N, C-alpha and C. Protein backbone atom coordinates (compact mmCIF):
# COMPACT_ATOMS: atom_id res chain seq x y z
N UNK A 1 230.76 110.98 15.11
CA UNK A 1 231.83 109.85 16.00
C UNK A 1 231.63 108.55 15.62
N UNK A 2 233.55 107.63 16.85
CA UNK A 2 233.49 107.24 16.57
C UNK A 2 232.39 105.37 15.98
N UNK A 3 232.43 105.83 17.57
CA UNK A 3 231.84 104.23 18.59
C UNK A 3 231.63 103.38 18.53
N UNK A 4 233.41 102.84 17.87
CA UNK A 4 234.45 101.90 16.96
C UNK A 4 234.46 101.24 15.94
N UNK A 5 233.37 102.01 15.40
CA UNK A 5 233.13 101.83 13.83
C UNK A 5 234.32 101.81 13.41
N UNK A 6 234.65 101.53 12.02
CA UNK A 6 236.02 101.34 11.29
C UNK A 6 235.55 101.01 9.85
N UNK A 7 235.86 102.01 9.19
CA UNK A 7 235.78 102.80 7.28
C UNK A 7 237.23 103.49 7.17
N UNK A 8 237.70 102.84 6.05
CA UNK A 8 237.86 104.10 5.52
C UNK A 8 238.27 105.45 4.72
N UNK A 9 238.78 107.04 5.43
CA UNK A 9 238.77 107.48 5.51
C UNK A 9 240.09 108.13 5.12
N UNK A 10 239.89 110.26 4.83
CA UNK A 10 241.24 111.03 3.92
C UNK A 10 240.99 112.09 5.35
N UNK A 11 241.57 112.11 5.18
CA UNK A 11 241.87 113.68 7.07
C UNK A 11 243.06 114.58 6.15
N UNK A 12 242.59 115.52 6.08
CA UNK A 12 243.53 116.61 6.04
C UNK A 12 243.71 117.33 5.99
N UNK A 13 244.76 117.90 6.23
CA UNK A 13 246.05 118.89 6.68
C UNK A 13 246.53 120.15 6.04
N UNK A 14 245.60 121.13 6.52
CA UNK A 14 246.07 122.45 6.76
C UNK A 14 246.25 123.41 7.11
N UNK A 15 246.22 124.61 6.86
CA UNK A 15 246.59 125.49 7.40
C UNK A 15 245.25 126.94 7.59
N UNK A 16 244.79 126.78 9.09
CA UNK A 16 243.67 127.22 9.02
C UNK A 16 244.10 129.03 8.92
N UNK A 17 243.48 129.37 8.42
CA UNK A 17 242.76 131.39 7.75
C UNK A 17 242.29 131.73 8.29
N UNK A 18 242.74 132.64 8.63
CA UNK A 18 241.21 133.46 9.20
C UNK A 18 239.86 132.85 10.09
N UNK A 19 238.70 133.55 9.65
CA UNK A 19 237.86 133.85 9.49
C UNK A 19 236.29 131.64 9.02
N UNK A 20 237.21 131.20 9.41
CA UNK A 20 236.05 130.00 8.92
C UNK A 20 234.92 129.20 9.41
N UNK A 21 234.22 128.11 8.29
CA UNK A 21 232.98 127.68 9.53
C UNK A 21 233.54 126.34 10.33
N UNK A 22 233.29 126.24 11.73
CA UNK A 22 233.43 124.80 12.44
C UNK A 22 231.94 124.58 13.57
N UNK A 23 232.80 123.71 14.11
CA UNK A 23 232.07 122.91 14.76
C UNK A 23 231.88 123.51 16.18
N UNK A 24 231.02 124.26 16.71
CA UNK A 24 230.52 124.81 18.06
C UNK A 24 230.09 123.40 19.11
N UNK A 25 229.65 124.17 20.58
CA UNK A 25 228.54 123.57 20.54
C UNK A 25 227.21 123.66 21.36
N UNK A 26 226.93 124.72 19.61
CA UNK A 26 225.83 125.91 19.81
C UNK A 26 225.67 125.29 18.57
N UNK A 27 225.92 124.51 17.42
CA UNK A 27 225.28 123.21 15.87
C UNK A 27 225.95 122.34 15.95
N UNK A 28 226.67 121.87 17.10
CA UNK A 28 227.13 119.76 16.98
C UNK A 28 225.38 118.90 16.74
N UNK A 29 224.63 119.59 17.02
CA UNK A 29 223.93 118.69 17.02
C UNK A 29 223.08 119.07 15.72
N UNK A 30 222.81 119.61 15.62
CA UNK A 30 222.22 120.44 14.18
C UNK A 30 223.27 119.12 13.35
N UNK A 31 224.58 119.77 13.08
CA UNK A 31 224.94 119.44 11.90
C UNK A 31 225.41 117.60 12.49
N UNK A 32 225.74 117.27 13.39
CA UNK A 32 225.32 115.55 12.67
C UNK A 32 224.08 115.23 12.56
N UNK A 33 222.48 116.09 12.75
CA UNK A 33 221.43 115.82 12.16
C UNK A 33 221.70 115.94 10.70
N UNK A 34 221.95 116.92 10.32
CA UNK A 34 221.55 118.26 9.40
C UNK A 34 222.97 117.82 8.28
N UNK A 35 224.14 117.28 8.79
CA UNK A 35 225.73 117.75 8.16
C UNK A 35 225.98 119.40 7.38
N UNK A 36 226.14 119.41 6.68
CA UNK A 36 226.46 120.86 6.78
C UNK A 36 227.04 120.79 5.09
N UNK A 37 225.83 121.70 4.69
CA UNK A 37 226.12 122.05 3.24
C UNK A 37 227.94 122.56 2.60
N UNK A 38 228.07 122.10 1.54
CA UNK A 38 229.41 122.11 1.71
C UNK A 38 229.98 123.40 1.05
N UNK A 39 229.24 124.02 0.98
CA UNK A 39 228.37 125.58 -0.14
C UNK A 39 229.32 126.72 1.47
N UNK A 40 229.14 125.93 2.10
CA UNK A 40 229.35 126.90 4.29
C UNK A 40 230.63 127.05 3.86
N UNK A 41 231.67 125.56 3.36
CA UNK A 41 232.59 125.26 3.62
C UNK A 41 234.28 126.65 2.80
N UNK A 42 235.16 126.55 3.90
CA UNK A 42 235.79 127.18 3.21
C UNK A 42 236.53 127.18 1.72
N UNK A 43 237.43 127.81 0.82
CA UNK A 43 237.67 126.74 -0.48
C UNK A 43 238.40 125.54 0.06
N UNK A 44 239.40 125.46 0.66
CA UNK A 44 240.49 124.29 1.02
C UNK A 44 240.02 122.95 1.33
N UNK A 45 238.24 122.93 2.40
CA UNK A 45 237.79 122.11 3.07
C UNK A 45 236.68 121.14 1.69
N UNK A 46 236.25 122.19 1.26
CA UNK A 46 235.25 121.56 -0.33
C UNK A 46 236.61 121.80 -1.18
N UNK A 47 236.95 121.63 -1.85
CA UNK A 47 238.51 121.02 -2.47
C UNK A 47 238.55 119.47 -2.04
N UNK A 48 238.52 118.98 -0.22
CA UNK A 48 239.90 118.42 0.24
C UNK A 48 238.18 117.27 0.03
N UNK A 49 237.05 117.53 0.63
CA UNK A 49 235.34 117.30 -0.07
C UNK A 49 235.37 116.40 -1.48
N UNK A 50 236.15 117.13 -2.07
CA UNK A 50 235.30 116.21 -3.61
C UNK A 50 236.88 115.49 -3.74
N UNK A 51 238.30 115.46 -3.68
CA UNK A 51 238.85 114.81 -3.57
C UNK A 51 239.05 114.05 -3.15
N UNK A 52 237.91 113.35 -2.12
CA UNK A 52 237.65 112.12 -1.06
C UNK A 52 236.40 111.51 -2.29
N UNK A 53 235.66 112.43 -2.02
CA UNK A 53 234.93 112.57 -3.22
C UNK A 53 235.59 110.91 -4.57
N UNK A 54 235.93 112.01 -4.95
CA UNK A 54 236.86 110.97 -6.25
C UNK A 54 237.33 110.26 -6.06
N UNK A 55 238.57 109.80 -4.59
CA UNK A 55 238.95 108.57 -4.28
C UNK A 55 237.69 107.39 -3.81
N UNK A 56 236.39 107.94 -3.67
CA UNK A 56 236.14 107.02 -3.72
C UNK A 56 235.49 107.08 -2.72
N UNK A 57 235.92 107.31 -1.16
CA UNK A 57 236.31 108.14 0.30
C UNK A 57 234.59 108.32 0.61
N UNK A 58 234.25 107.50 1.68
CA UNK A 58 232.28 107.95 1.89
C UNK A 58 233.32 109.04 2.72
N UNK A 59 234.09 108.95 3.66
CA UNK A 59 234.51 110.02 4.85
C UNK A 59 236.43 110.81 5.25
N UNK A 60 235.70 112.32 5.76
CA UNK A 60 236.43 113.52 5.13
C UNK A 60 236.74 113.51 7.08
N UNK A 61 237.72 113.52 7.82
CA UNK A 61 238.35 113.59 9.22
C UNK A 61 239.37 115.08 9.07
N UNK A 62 238.47 116.71 8.95
CA UNK A 62 239.05 117.38 9.07
C UNK A 62 238.55 117.87 10.58
N UNK A 63 239.80 118.94 11.14
CA UNK A 63 239.61 119.04 12.72
C UNK A 63 238.79 119.94 12.99
N UNK A 64 238.55 121.50 12.43
CA UNK A 64 237.77 121.98 12.33
C UNK A 64 235.88 122.08 12.28
N UNK A 65 235.87 120.86 12.30
CA UNK A 65 234.93 120.28 11.86
C UNK A 65 234.21 118.62 12.88
N UNK A 66 235.63 117.64 13.23
CA UNK A 66 235.37 117.03 13.79
C UNK A 66 236.46 117.28 15.87
N UNK A 67 236.43 117.97 15.87
CA UNK A 67 237.05 118.92 17.20
C UNK A 67 235.64 120.32 17.80
N UNK A 68 234.82 119.81 18.34
CA UNK A 68 233.96 120.54 18.85
C UNK A 68 235.35 122.17 19.79
N UNK A 69 234.50 122.68 18.74
CA UNK A 69 235.74 123.93 18.56
C UNK A 69 235.96 124.45 19.74
N UNK A 70 234.61 125.31 20.22
CA UNK A 70 234.99 126.03 21.22
C UNK A 70 234.31 124.93 23.17
N UNK A 71 234.29 124.52 22.84
CA UNK A 71 234.83 122.36 24.08
C UNK A 71 235.77 122.19 24.35
N UNK A 72 236.64 122.78 25.73
CA UNK A 72 237.62 122.65 26.34
C UNK A 72 238.07 120.57 26.36
N UNK A 73 236.91 120.16 26.56
CA UNK A 73 237.24 119.14 26.80
C UNK A 73 237.49 118.20 25.86
N UNK A 74 236.33 118.88 25.25
CA UNK A 74 236.52 118.11 23.19
C UNK A 74 237.94 117.73 22.98
N UNK A 75 238.27 119.54 22.68
CA UNK A 75 239.67 119.93 22.24
C UNK A 75 240.85 119.43 22.93
N UNK A 76 240.91 118.61 24.38
CA UNK A 76 241.72 117.58 25.44
C UNK A 76 241.75 116.48 24.60
N UNK A 77 240.28 115.82 24.40
CA UNK A 77 239.93 114.44 24.19
C UNK A 77 240.64 113.89 22.49
N UNK A 78 240.54 114.77 21.78
CA UNK A 78 240.42 115.11 20.56
C UNK A 78 241.81 115.02 19.70
N UNK A 79 242.82 116.01 20.73
CA UNK A 79 243.52 115.74 20.00
C UNK A 79 245.17 115.30 20.20
N UNK A 80 244.30 114.38 21.63
CA UNK A 80 245.63 113.76 22.19
C UNK A 80 244.96 112.58 20.98
N UNK A 81 244.51 112.66 20.28
CA UNK A 81 244.64 111.42 19.86
C UNK A 81 245.00 111.53 17.83
N UNK A 82 245.50 112.93 17.20
CA UNK A 82 245.05 113.25 16.37
C UNK A 82 246.35 112.12 15.69
N UNK A 83 247.17 111.58 16.29
CA UNK A 83 248.77 110.61 15.32
C UNK A 83 247.59 109.11 14.97
N UNK A 84 247.15 108.92 15.50
CA UNK A 84 246.50 108.02 15.56
C UNK A 84 245.76 108.27 13.88
N UNK A 85 244.70 109.82 14.48
CA UNK A 85 243.99 108.83 13.04
C UNK A 85 244.39 109.37 12.13
N UNK A 86 245.69 110.55 12.11
CA UNK A 86 246.17 110.63 10.44
C UNK A 86 247.28 109.23 10.27
N UNK A 87 246.94 108.21 12.14
CA UNK A 87 248.06 106.77 10.49
C UNK A 87 246.87 106.09 10.21
N UNK A 88 246.48 106.69 11.05
CA UNK A 88 245.71 105.38 10.16
C UNK A 88 244.61 105.26 9.47
N UNK A 89 244.22 107.17 8.59
CA UNK A 89 243.96 107.41 7.02
C UNK A 89 243.81 106.56 6.05
N UNK A 90 242.64 106.29 5.76
CA UNK A 90 243.54 105.64 3.68
C UNK A 90 244.62 107.02 3.14
N UNK A 91 244.68 107.68 3.15
CA UNK A 91 245.18 109.25 2.51
C UNK A 91 244.75 110.40 3.71
N UNK A 92 245.56 111.47 3.81
CA UNK A 92 245.94 112.58 3.50
C UNK A 92 246.06 113.36 2.98
N UNK A 93 244.67 114.56 2.61
CA UNK A 93 245.09 116.11 1.93
C UNK A 93 246.04 117.06 2.44
N UNK A 94 246.83 117.40 1.70
CA UNK A 94 248.18 118.51 2.28
C UNK A 94 247.46 119.58 1.57
């Protein structure tokens, strides 16, 4: 949740492939309290986490994780913001 807070972050621009770890309504509360272990992520997302850390950034925006994938209302609300999300990123990893 952004809550109006600001900070430097990276975005990941990538092509989804196959089944990957994603945020769902049933896992959202757990993920917000405990986070997700990097070894549960796809190789692409895990590599982006490593790049983000090496760049000294604290946050990484990944659509599969930051948009609740089985919630049409959340998707509709967040997809319209994607231009701003990418525009305001410190860096986009592709």
